[in-house]
Amino acid sequence: MVENEQAHRFEARTPDGEVAGFLSYLSRPGQLVLVHTEVAEEYDGQGIGGSLVRQALDRIRERGQTMVPQCPFVAGYLRRHPEYEDLVSTG
């Protein structure tokens, strides 16, 4: 996973650099609003979306940030992985 700060998104890339999926966000001081997750159709069902969300959440934790899960895919991931609940912004 790489962060494309100019596009405001985290990207899952293939070995040849093709974007297989992304998680877009809005940046606020100390917080990211996770807006939309999308995986290219040819990579659907390969776990790319879940891996992308997990790595993004780990990056957010490393930075000491919080996040707002506006994306339904991220919200579903959080229901299945309560170990990330501490990252959800309360304000």
N, C-alpha and C. Protein backbone atom coordinates (compact mmCIF):
# COMPACT_ATOMS: atom_id res chain seq x y z
N MET A 1 0.84 -1.18 0.00
CA MET A 1 0.00 0.00 0.00
C MET A 1 0.88 1.24 0.00
N VAL A 2 0.48 2.21 -0.77
CA VAL A 2 1.17 3.50 -0.79
C VAL A 2 0.12 4.58 -0.55
N GLU A 3 0.57 5.67 0.03
CA GLU A 3 -0.32 6.81 0.21
C GLU A 3 -0.04 7.82 -0.90
N ASN A 4 -1.07 8.13 -1.63
CA ASN A 4 -0.99 9.14 -2.68
C ASN A 4 -1.61 10.41 -2.08
N GLU A 5 -0.78 11.22 -1.45
CA GLU A 5 -1.29 12.39 -0.74
C GLU A 5 -1.92 13.41 -1.67
N GLN A 6 -1.41 13.54 -2.89
CA GLN A 6 -1.99 14.49 -3.83
C GLN A 6 -3.42 14.12 -4.20
N ALA A 7 -3.69 12.82 -4.32
CA ALA A 7 -5.04 12.35 -4.66
C ALA A 7 -5.88 12.10 -3.41
N HIS A 8 -5.30 12.26 -2.22
CA HIS A 8 -5.99 12.03 -0.95
C HIS A 8 -6.54 10.61 -0.88
N ARG A 9 -5.62 9.64 -1.09
CA ARG A 9 -6.06 8.26 -1.01
C ARG A 9 -4.89 7.32 -0.76
N PHE A 10 -5.23 6.17 -0.19
CA PHE A 10 -4.31 5.06 -0.05
C PHE A 10 -4.55 4.15 -1.25
N GLU A 11 -3.47 3.60 -1.81
CA GLU A 11 -3.61 2.79 -3.01
C GLU A 11 -2.97 1.42 -2.83
N ALA A 12 -3.66 0.40 -3.31
CA ALA A 12 -3.09 -0.94 -3.43
C ALA A 12 -2.62 -1.04 -4.88
N ARG A 13 -1.37 -1.39 -5.06
CA ARG A 13 -0.82 -1.45 -6.42
C ARG A 13 -0.30 -2.84 -6.73
N THR A 14 -0.39 -3.18 -8.00
CA THR A 14 0.17 -4.44 -8.47
C THR A 14 1.68 -4.29 -8.55
N PRO A 15 2.42 -5.40 -8.72
CA PRO A 15 3.88 -5.29 -8.84
C PRO A 15 4.34 -4.37 -9.98
N ASP A 16 3.52 -4.23 -11.02
CA ASP A 16 3.92 -3.34 -12.12
C ASP A 16 3.42 -1.91 -11.94
N GLY A 17 2.86 -1.60 -10.76
CA GLY A 17 2.47 -0.23 -10.44
C GLY A 17 1.04 0.15 -10.76
N GLU A 18 0.27 -0.78 -11.31
CA GLU A 18 -1.14 -0.51 -11.61
C GLU A 18 -1.94 -0.39 -10.31
N VAL A 19 -2.86 0.56 -10.24
CA VAL A 19 -3.70 0.72 -9.05
C VAL A 19 -4.79 -0.34 -9.10
N ALA A 20 -4.75 -1.26 -8.14
CA ALA A 20 -5.73 -2.34 -8.05
C ALA A 20 -6.93 -1.92 -7.20
N GLY A 21 -6.72 -0.96 -6.32
CA GLY A 21 -7.79 -0.47 -5.45
C GLY A 21 -7.32 0.76 -4.70
N PHE A 22 -8.30 1.47 -4.14
CA PHE A 22 -7.93 2.65 -3.36
C PHE A 22 -8.96 2.92 -2.28
N LEU A 23 -8.52 3.67 -1.29
CA LEU A 23 -9.35 4.15 -0.19
C LEU A 23 -9.15 5.65 -0.12
N SER A 24 -10.17 6.41 -0.50
CA SER A 24 -10.04 7.87 -0.51
C SER A 24 -10.40 8.44 0.85
N TYR A 25 -9.83 9.60 1.15
CA TYR A 25 -10.05 10.24 2.44
C TYR A 25 -10.05 11.75 2.32
N LEU A 26 -10.62 12.38 3.34
CA LEU A 26 -10.51 13.82 3.55
C LEU A 26 -9.63 13.99 4.77
N SER A 27 -8.74 14.94 4.71
CA SER A 27 -7.80 15.15 5.80
C SER A 27 -8.24 16.33 6.66
N ARG A 28 -8.26 16.08 7.96
CA ARG A 28 -8.51 17.12 8.97
C ARG A 28 -7.34 17.08 9.95
N PRO A 29 -7.13 18.12 10.72
CA PRO A 29 -6.04 18.08 11.70
C PRO A 29 -6.20 16.88 12.65
N GLY A 30 -5.24 15.98 12.62
CA GLY A 30 -5.24 14.82 13.50
C GLY A 30 -6.26 13.75 13.16
N GLN A 31 -6.88 13.85 12.00
CA GLN A 31 -7.98 12.94 11.69
C GLN A 31 -8.12 12.76 10.17
N LEU A 32 -8.52 11.56 9.77
CA LEU A 32 -8.87 11.29 8.39
C LEU A 32 -10.33 10.85 8.34
N VAL A 33 -11.06 11.36 7.37
CA VAL A 33 -12.42 10.90 7.11
C VAL A 33 -12.30 9.93 5.94
N LEU A 34 -12.58 8.66 6.20
CA LEU A 34 -12.45 7.62 5.18
C LEU A 34 -13.75 7.58 4.38
N VAL A 35 -13.66 7.98 3.12
CA VAL A 35 -14.83 8.29 2.31
C VAL A 35 -15.28 7.14 1.41
N HIS A 36 -14.35 6.50 0.72
CA HIS A 36 -14.76 5.53 -0.31
C HIS A 36 -13.65 4.52 -0.57
N THR A 37 -14.04 3.25 -0.62
CA THR A 37 -13.12 2.17 -0.99
C THR A 37 -13.58 1.60 -2.31
N GLU A 38 -12.63 1.40 -3.20
CA GLU A 38 -12.96 0.83 -4.51
C GLU A 38 -11.84 -0.11 -4.96
N VAL A 39 -12.24 -1.27 -5.47
CA VAL A 39 -11.29 -2.24 -6.02
C VAL A 39 -11.65 -2.46 -7.47
N ALA A 40 -10.65 -2.45 -8.35
CA ALA A 40 -10.88 -2.69 -9.77
C ALA A 40 -11.53 -4.07 -9.95
N GLU A 41 -12.45 -4.14 -10.87
CA GLU A 41 -13.25 -5.35 -11.08
C GLU A 41 -12.38 -6.60 -11.26
N GLU A 42 -11.29 -6.47 -11.98
CA GLU A 42 -10.45 -7.64 -12.23
C GLU A 42 -9.73 -8.16 -10.98
N TYR A 43 -9.74 -7.38 -9.91
CA TYR A 43 -9.11 -7.79 -8.66
C TYR A 43 -10.13 -8.07 -7.55
N ASP A 44 -11.39 -7.97 -7.89
CA ASP A 44 -12.46 -8.20 -6.92
C ASP A 44 -12.38 -9.63 -6.36
N GLY A 45 -12.66 -9.76 -5.08
CA GLY A 45 -12.68 -11.07 -4.44
C GLY A 45 -11.32 -11.61 -4.04
N GLN A 46 -10.29 -10.79 -4.13
CA GLN A 46 -8.94 -11.24 -3.79
C GLN A 46 -8.46 -10.70 -2.45
N GLY A 47 -9.34 -10.06 -1.68
CA GLY A 47 -8.97 -9.55 -0.37
C GLY A 47 -8.25 -8.22 -0.40
N ILE A 48 -8.22 -7.58 -1.54
CA ILE A 48 -7.48 -6.32 -1.67
C ILE A 48 -8.14 -5.22 -0.84
N GLY A 49 -9.46 -5.13 -0.86
CA GLY A 49 -10.15 -4.09 -0.10
C GLY A 49 -9.88 -4.20 1.39
N GLY A 50 -10.00 -5.41 1.94
CA GLY A 50 -9.74 -5.61 3.37
C GLY A 50 -8.31 -5.31 3.74
N SER A 51 -7.39 -5.76 2.91
CA SER A 51 -5.98 -5.49 3.17
C SER A 51 -5.68 -3.99 3.12
N LEU A 52 -6.29 -3.32 2.16
CA LEU A 52 -6.11 -1.87 2.02
C LEU A 52 -6.62 -1.14 3.25
N VAL A 53 -7.80 -1.50 3.73
CA VAL A 53 -8.37 -0.86 4.92
C VAL A 53 -7.50 -1.14 6.14
N ARG A 54 -7.07 -2.41 6.32
CA ARG A 54 -6.24 -2.76 7.46
C ARG A 54 -4.95 -1.95 7.48
N GLN A 55 -4.28 -1.87 6.33
CA GLN A 55 -3.04 -1.12 6.27
C GLN A 55 -3.25 0.38 6.50
N ALA A 56 -4.35 0.91 5.99
CA ALA A 56 -4.65 2.33 6.21
C ALA A 56 -4.91 2.59 7.70
N LEU A 57 -5.66 1.70 8.34
CA LEU A 57 -5.94 1.86 9.77
C LEU A 57 -4.66 1.74 10.59
N ASP A 58 -3.78 0.83 10.20
CA ASP A 58 -2.49 0.72 10.89
C ASP A 58 -1.67 2.00 10.73
N ARG A 59 -1.70 2.57 9.54
CA ARG A 59 -0.97 3.83 9.30
C ARG A 59 -1.56 4.96 10.16
N ILE A 60 -2.88 5.03 10.23
CA ILE A 60 -3.54 6.04 11.06
C ILE A 60 -3.13 5.87 12.51
N ARG A 61 -3.10 4.64 12.99
CA ARG A 61 -2.68 4.37 14.38
C ARG A 61 -1.24 4.79 14.60
N GLU A 62 -0.36 4.45 13.68
CA GLU A 62 1.07 4.81 13.81
C GLU A 62 1.25 6.32 13.93
N ARG A 63 0.43 7.07 13.24
CA ARG A 63 0.52 8.54 13.26
C ARG A 63 -0.15 9.17 14.47
N GLY A 64 -0.86 8.38 15.26
CA GLY A 64 -1.57 8.92 16.41
C GLY A 64 -2.82 9.68 16.02
N GLN A 65 -3.38 9.36 14.85
CA GLN A 65 -4.57 10.04 14.37
C GLN A 65 -5.83 9.24 14.74
N THR A 66 -6.97 9.85 14.47
CA THR A 66 -8.25 9.16 14.55
C THR A 66 -8.88 9.21 13.16
N MET A 67 -10.04 8.54 13.03
CA MET A 67 -10.68 8.54 11.73
C MET A 67 -12.19 8.49 11.88
N VAL A 68 -12.86 8.91 10.82
CA VAL A 68 -14.32 8.86 10.73
C VAL A 68 -14.65 7.91 9.58
N PRO A 69 -15.34 6.79 9.86
CA PRO A 69 -15.61 5.80 8.82
C PRO A 69 -16.89 6.11 8.04
N GLN A 70 -16.85 7.02 7.09
CA GLN A 70 -18.02 7.31 6.27
C GLN A 70 -18.26 6.23 5.21
N CYS A 71 -17.23 5.56 4.80
CA CYS A 71 -17.32 4.52 3.79
C CYS A 71 -17.99 3.27 4.38
N PRO A 72 -19.05 2.76 3.75
CA PRO A 72 -19.71 1.55 4.26
C PRO A 72 -18.78 0.33 4.33
N PHE A 73 -17.85 0.21 3.41
CA PHE A 73 -16.92 -0.92 3.45
C PHE A 73 -16.03 -0.83 4.69
N VAL A 74 -15.54 0.36 5.00
CA VAL A 74 -14.72 0.55 6.20
C VAL A 74 -15.55 0.28 7.45
N ALA A 75 -16.78 0.77 7.49
CA ALA A 75 -17.66 0.53 8.64
C ALA A 75 -17.87 -0.96 8.85
N GLY A 76 -18.09 -1.71 7.78
CA GLY A 76 -18.24 -3.16 7.87
C GLY A 76 -16.97 -3.83 8.37
N TYR A 77 -15.82 -3.36 7.90
CA TYR A 77 -14.55 -3.90 8.35
C TYR A 77 -14.39 -3.69 9.86
N LEU A 78 -14.77 -2.51 10.33
CA LEU A 78 -14.65 -2.21 11.76
C LEU A 78 -15.55 -3.11 12.60
N ARG A 79 -16.73 -3.45 12.09
CA ARG A 79 -17.61 -4.36 12.83
C ARG A 79 -16.97 -5.74 12.99
N ARG A 80 -16.22 -6.16 11.99
CA ARG A 80 -15.56 -7.47 12.04
C ARG A 80 -14.20 -7.43 12.75
N HIS A 81 -13.67 -6.24 12.96
CA HIS A 81 -12.34 -6.09 13.56
C HIS A 81 -12.38 -5.02 14.67
N PRO A 82 -12.96 -5.37 15.81
CA PRO A 82 -13.11 -4.39 16.90
C PRO A 82 -11.79 -3.88 17.47
N GLU A 83 -10.69 -4.50 17.10
CA GLU A 83 -9.38 -4.03 17.60
C GLU A 83 -9.04 -2.64 17.06
N TYR A 84 -9.80 -2.15 16.09
CA TYR A 84 -9.57 -0.82 15.54
C TYR A 84 -10.57 0.22 16.04
N GLU A 85 -11.48 -0.17 16.92
CA GLU A 85 -12.50 0.75 17.42
C GLU A 85 -11.92 2.00 18.07
N ASP A 86 -10.74 1.86 18.68
CA ASP A 86 -10.12 2.99 19.37
C ASP A 86 -9.74 4.12 18.41
N LEU A 87 -9.71 3.84 17.11
CA LEU A 87 -9.36 4.87 16.12
C LEU A 87 -10.55 5.72 15.70
N VAL A 88 -11.75 5.24 15.99
CA VAL A 88 -12.96 5.96 15.57
C VAL A 88 -13.09 7.23 16.38
N SER A 89 -13.24 8.34 15.67
CA SER A 89 -13.37 9.65 16.32
C SER A 89 -14.69 9.74 17.06
N THR A 90 -14.65 10.30 18.23
CA THR A 90 -15.86 10.52 19.00
C THR A 90 -16.35 11.97 18.90
N GLY A 91 -15.59 12.79 18.16
CA GLY A 91 -15.99 14.19 18.07
C GLY A 91 -15.88 14.76 16.71
